[in-house]
C-alpha atoms as a PDB file:
ATOM      1  CA  UNK A   1      25.109 350.150 240.806  1.00  0.00           C
ATOM      2  CA  UNK A   2      24.615 349.360 244.421  1.00  0.00           C
ATOM      3  CA  UNK A   3      25.007 345.093 245.487  1.00  0.00           C
ATOM      4  CA  UNK A   4      22.646 344.184 248.407  1.00  0.00           C
ATOM      5  CA  UNK A   5      24.461 341.151 249.619  1.00  0.00           C
ATOM      6  CA  UNK A   6      21.713 340.611 252.117  1.00  0.00           C
ATOM      7  CA  UNK A   7      19.571 339.901 248.834  1.00  0.00           C
ATOM      8  CA  UNK A   8      22.308 337.453 247.693  1.00  0.00           C
ATOM      9  CA  UNK A   9      22.602 335.952 250.756  1.00  0.00           C
ATOM     10  CA  UNK A  10      18.643 335.105 250.689  1.00  0.00           C
ATOM     11  CA  UNK A  11      19.074 334.097 247.181  1.00  0.00           C
ATOM     12  CA  UNK A  12      21.717 331.687 248.018  1.00  0.00           C
ATOM     13  CA  UNK A  13      19.903 330.451 251.003  1.00  0.00           C
ATOM     14  CA  UNK A  14      16.795 329.820 249.439  1.00  0.00           C
ATOM     15  CA  UNK A  15      18.494 328.163 246.061  1.00  0.00           C
ATOM     16  CA  UNK A  16      20.622 325.701 248.681  1.00  0.00           C
ATOM     17  CA  UNK A  17      16.988 325.187 250.303  1.00  0.00           C
ATOM     18  CA  UNK A  18      15.062 324.141 247.600  1.00  0.00           C
ATOM     19  CA  UNK A  19      18.502 321.999 245.314  1.00  0.00           C
ATOM     20  CA  UNK A  20      20.182 321.469 248.195  1.00  0.00           C
ATOM     21  CA  UNK A  21      23.537 322.841 250.135  1.00  0.00           C
ATOM     22  CA  UNK A  22      25.769 321.379 246.989  1.00  0.00           C
ATOM     23  CA  UNK A  23      24.708 323.864 244.389  1.00  0.00           C
ATOM     24  CA  UNK A  24      25.649 326.949 246.694  1.00  0.00           C
ATOM     25  CA  UNK A  25      29.121 326.201 247.984  1.00  0.00           C
ATOM     26  CA  UNK A  26      31.948 326.743 246.518  1.00  0.00           C
ATOM     27  CA  UNK A  27      33.430 324.236 243.950  1.00  0.00           C
ATOM     28  CA  UNK A  28      36.816 324.274 245.556  1.00  0.00           C
ATOM     29  CA  UNK A  29      35.647 323.411 248.677  1.00  0.00           C
ATOM     30  CA  UNK A  30      35.806 319.687 248.362  1.00  0.00           C
ATOM     31  CA  UNK A  31      38.869 319.993 245.716  1.00  0.00           C
ATOM     32  CA  UNK A  32      41.675 317.961 247.150  1.00  0.00           C
ATOM     33  CA  UNK A  33      45.432 317.592 246.572  1.00  0.00           C
ATOM     34  CA  UNK A  34      44.531 313.953 245.854  1.00  0.00           C
ATOM     35  CA  UNK A  35      42.305 314.819 243.131  1.00  0.00           C
ATOM     36  CA  UNK A  36      44.111 317.040 241.574  1.00  0.00           C
ATOM     37  CA  UNK A  37      46.904 314.709 240.901  1.00  0.00           C
ATOM     38  CA  UNK A  38      44.290 311.922 239.598  1.00  0.00           C
ATOM     39  CA  UNK A  39      42.726 314.955 237.470  1.00  0.00           C
ATOM     40  CA  UNK A  40      46.571 315.843 235.680  1.00  0.00           C
ATOM     41  CA  UNK A  41      47.042 311.793 235.743  1.00  0.00           C
ATOM     42  CA  UNK A  42      43.600 311.414 233.538  1.00  0.00           C
ATOM     43  CA  UNK A  43      44.786 314.281 231.134  1.00  0.00           C
ATOM     44  CA  UNK A  44      48.504 312.480 230.136  1.00  0.00           C
ATOM     45  CA  UNK A  45      46.512 309.917 229.837  1.00  0.00           C
ATOM     46  CA  UNK A  46      43.471 311.750 227.439  1.00  0.00           C
ATOM     47  CA  UNK A  47      46.170 313.176 225.844  1.00  0.00           C
ATOM     48  CA  UNK A  48      48.351 310.464 224.681  1.00  0.00           C
ATOM     49  CA  UNK A  49      45.204 308.771 223.279  1.00  0.00           C
ATOM     50  CA  UNK A  50      44.087 311.738 221.391  1.00  0.00           C
ATOM     51  CA  UNK A  51      47.428 312.536 220.167  1.00  0.00           C
ATOM     52  CA  UNK A  52      48.433 311.415 216.515  1.00  0.00           C
ATOM     53  CA  UNK A  53      51.500 309.954 215.544  1.00  0.00           C
ATOM     54  CA  UNK A  54      53.622 312.249 213.580  1.00  0.00           C
ATOM     55  CA  UNK A  55      54.910 310.686 210.779  1.00  0.00           C
ATOM     56  CA  UNK A  56      57.620 312.681 208.928  1.00  0.00           C
ATOM     57  CA  UNK A  57      59.242 311.267 205.897  1.00  0.00           C
ATOM     58  CA  UNK A  58      63.618 312.793 204.491  1.00  0.00           C
ATOM     59  CA  UNK A  59      62.891 315.248 201.059  1.00  0.00           C
ATOM     60  CA  UNK A  60      66.144 316.870 200.360  1.00  0.00           C
ATOM     61  CA  UNK A  61      67.204 316.872 203.583  1.00  0.00           C
ATOM     62  CA  UNK A  62      64.285 318.318 205.429  1.00  0.00           C
ATOM     63  CA  UNK A  63      61.641 316.267 207.344  1.00  0.00           C
ATOM     64  CA  UNK A  64      58.499 316.873 206.390  1.00  0.00           C
ATOM     65  CA  UNK A  65      55.224 315.069 207.734  1.00  0.00           C
ATOM     66  CA  UNK A  66      53.767 312.319 205.658  1.00  0.00           C
ATOM     67  CA  UNK A  67      50.365 313.877 205.085  1.00  0.00           C
ATOM     68  CA  UNK A  68      51.331 316.719 203.527  1.00  0.00           C
ATOM     69  CA  UNK A  69      53.488 315.556 200.853  1.00  0.00           C
ATOM     70  CA  UNK A  70      50.358 312.862 199.952  1.00  0.00           C
ATOM     71  CA  UNK A  71      48.039 315.988 198.845  1.00  0.00           C
ATOM     72  CA  UNK A  72      48.291 316.650 195.042  1.00  0.00           C
ATOM     73  CA  UNK A  73      48.240 320.268 193.962  1.00  0.00           C
ATOM     74  CA  UNK A  74      46.625 321.069 190.107  1.00  0.00           C
ATOM     75  CA  UNK A  75      47.641 324.493 188.906  1.00  0.00           C
ATOM     76  CA  UNK A  76      45.384 323.428 185.391  1.00  0.00           C
ATOM     77  CA  UNK A  77      42.523 322.588 184.382  1.00  0.00           C
ATOM     78  CA  UNK A  78      42.694 318.116 183.307  1.00  0.00           C
ATOM     79  CA  UNK A  79      40.103 319.087 180.886  1.00  0.00           C
ATOM     80  CA  UNK A  80      40.180 322.609 179.295  1.00  0.00           C
ATOM     81  CA  UNK A  81      43.655 323.431 180.599  1.00  0.00           C
ATOM     82  CA  UNK A  82      42.432 326.390 181.905  1.00  0.00           C
ATOM     83  CA  UNK A  83      44.326 327.725 184.657  1.00  0.00           C
ATOM     84  CA  UNK A  84      42.093 327.003 188.204  1.00  0.00           C
ATOM     85  CA  UNK A  85      42.057 330.190 189.609  1.00  0.00           C
ATOM     86  CA  UNK A  86      38.938 330.191 192.230  1.00  0.00           C
ATOM     87  CA  UNK A  87      37.686 327.976 195.820  1.00  0.00           C
ATOM     88  CA  UNK A  88      34.817 326.270 193.022  1.00  0.00           C
ATOM     89  CA  UNK A  89      37.808 325.227 190.822  1.00  0.00           C
ATOM     90  CA  UNK A  90      39.525 323.748 193.923  1.00  0.00           C
ATOM     91  CA  UNK A  91      36.059 321.810 194.805  1.00  0.00           C
ATOM     92  CA  UNK A  92      35.434 320.885 191.482  1.00  0.00           C
ATOM     93  CA  UNK A  93      38.681 319.560 190.580  1.00  0.00           C
ATOM     94  CA  UNK A  94      38.881 317.395 193.903  1.00  0.00           C
ATOM     95  CA  UNK A  95      35.762 315.807 192.927  1.00  0.00           C
ATOM     96  CA  UNK A  96      35.552 316.076 189.083  1.00  0.00           C
ATOM     97  CA  UNK A  97      38.881 316.392 187.886  1.00  0.00           C
ATOM     98  CA  UNK A  98      38.061 319.697 186.343  1.00  0.00           C
ATOM     99  CA  UNK A  99      37.753 322.878 186.791  1.00  0.00           C
ATOM    100  CA  UNK A 100      34.063 325.129 187.359  1.00  0.00           C
ATOM    101  CA  UNK A 101      33.468 325.965 184.089  1.00  0.00           C
ATOM    102  CA  UNK A 102      33.828 322.629 182.444  1.00  0.00           C
ATOM    103  CA  UNK A 103      31.666 321.181 184.731  1.00  0.00           C
ATOM    104  CA  UNK A 104      28.801 323.909 184.106  1.00  0.00           C
ATOM    105  CA  UNK A 105      29.850 323.243 180.623  1.00  0.00           C
ATOM    106  CA  UNK A 106      30.118 318.823 180.233  1.00  0.00           C
ATOM    107  CA  UNK A 107      29.210 318.208 183.651  1.00  0.00           C
ATOM    108  CA  UNK A 108      25.922 319.490 185.630  1.00  0.00           C
ATOM    109  CA  UNK A 109      22.823 317.115 185.904  1.00  0.00           C
ATOM    110  CA  UNK A 110      25.331 314.487 184.122  1.00  0.00           C
ATOM    111  CA  UNK A 111      27.534 313.645 187.379  1.00  0.00           C
ATOM    112  CA  UNK A 112      26.638 309.990 186.817  1.00  0.00           C
ATOM    113  CA  UNK A 113      27.626 309.821 183.318  1.00  0.00           C
ATOM    114  CA  UNK A 114      31.659 311.471 184.261  1.00  0.00           C
ATOM    115  CA  UNK A 115      32.240 309.207 187.322  1.00  0.00           C
ATOM    116  CA  UNK A 116      31.932 306.259 184.734  1.00  0.00           C
ATOM    117  CA  UNK A 117      34.451 307.999 182.648  1.00  0.00           C
ATOM    118  CA  UNK A 118      33.162 309.909 180.166  1.00  0.00           C
ATOM    119  CA  UNK A 119      35.050 312.728 179.147  1.00  0.00           C
ATOM    120  CA  UNK A 120      35.112 315.278 176.233  1.00  0.00           C
ATOM    121  CA  UNK A 121      36.403 314.523 172.830  1.00  0.00           C
ATOM    122  CA  UNK A 122      37.720 317.637 171.409  1.00  0.00           C
ATOM    123  CA  UNK A 123      38.009 321.026 174.389  1.00  0.00           C
ATOM    124  CA  UNK A 124      39.013 324.576 173.089  1.00  0.00           C
ATOM    125  CA  UNK A 125      40.045 326.927 175.421  1.00  0.00           C
ATOM    126  CA  UNK A 126      36.836 328.843 175.957  1.00  0.00           C
ATOM    127  CA  UNK A 127      37.967 332.204 178.265  1.00  0.00           C
END
């Protein structure tokens, strides 16, 4: 692959004439040590604003972030006591407090009734 430097120079010249010399100039040519200092200062201020404060709690001698302690994980479905195994089980548990099977059997197309507090009376494990 041959690079024709004359062709590249002609293209740069044409672009510069049409849209201005700034479009073909190297950005480093405008960068100064003062601009570098200002940029680094702005970057520090931005990271201070965006960085959330981590609140840690002592749990048996170990510091753990508080946001990790508030998440409750269930191993079994509160409705049928079947072990939660799949990602869909996790999704339905977080919204409806039941596994996928119970969602399909009791909740699907009746979400409002479930959210208002209705629960089945006698549930046996169907696996």
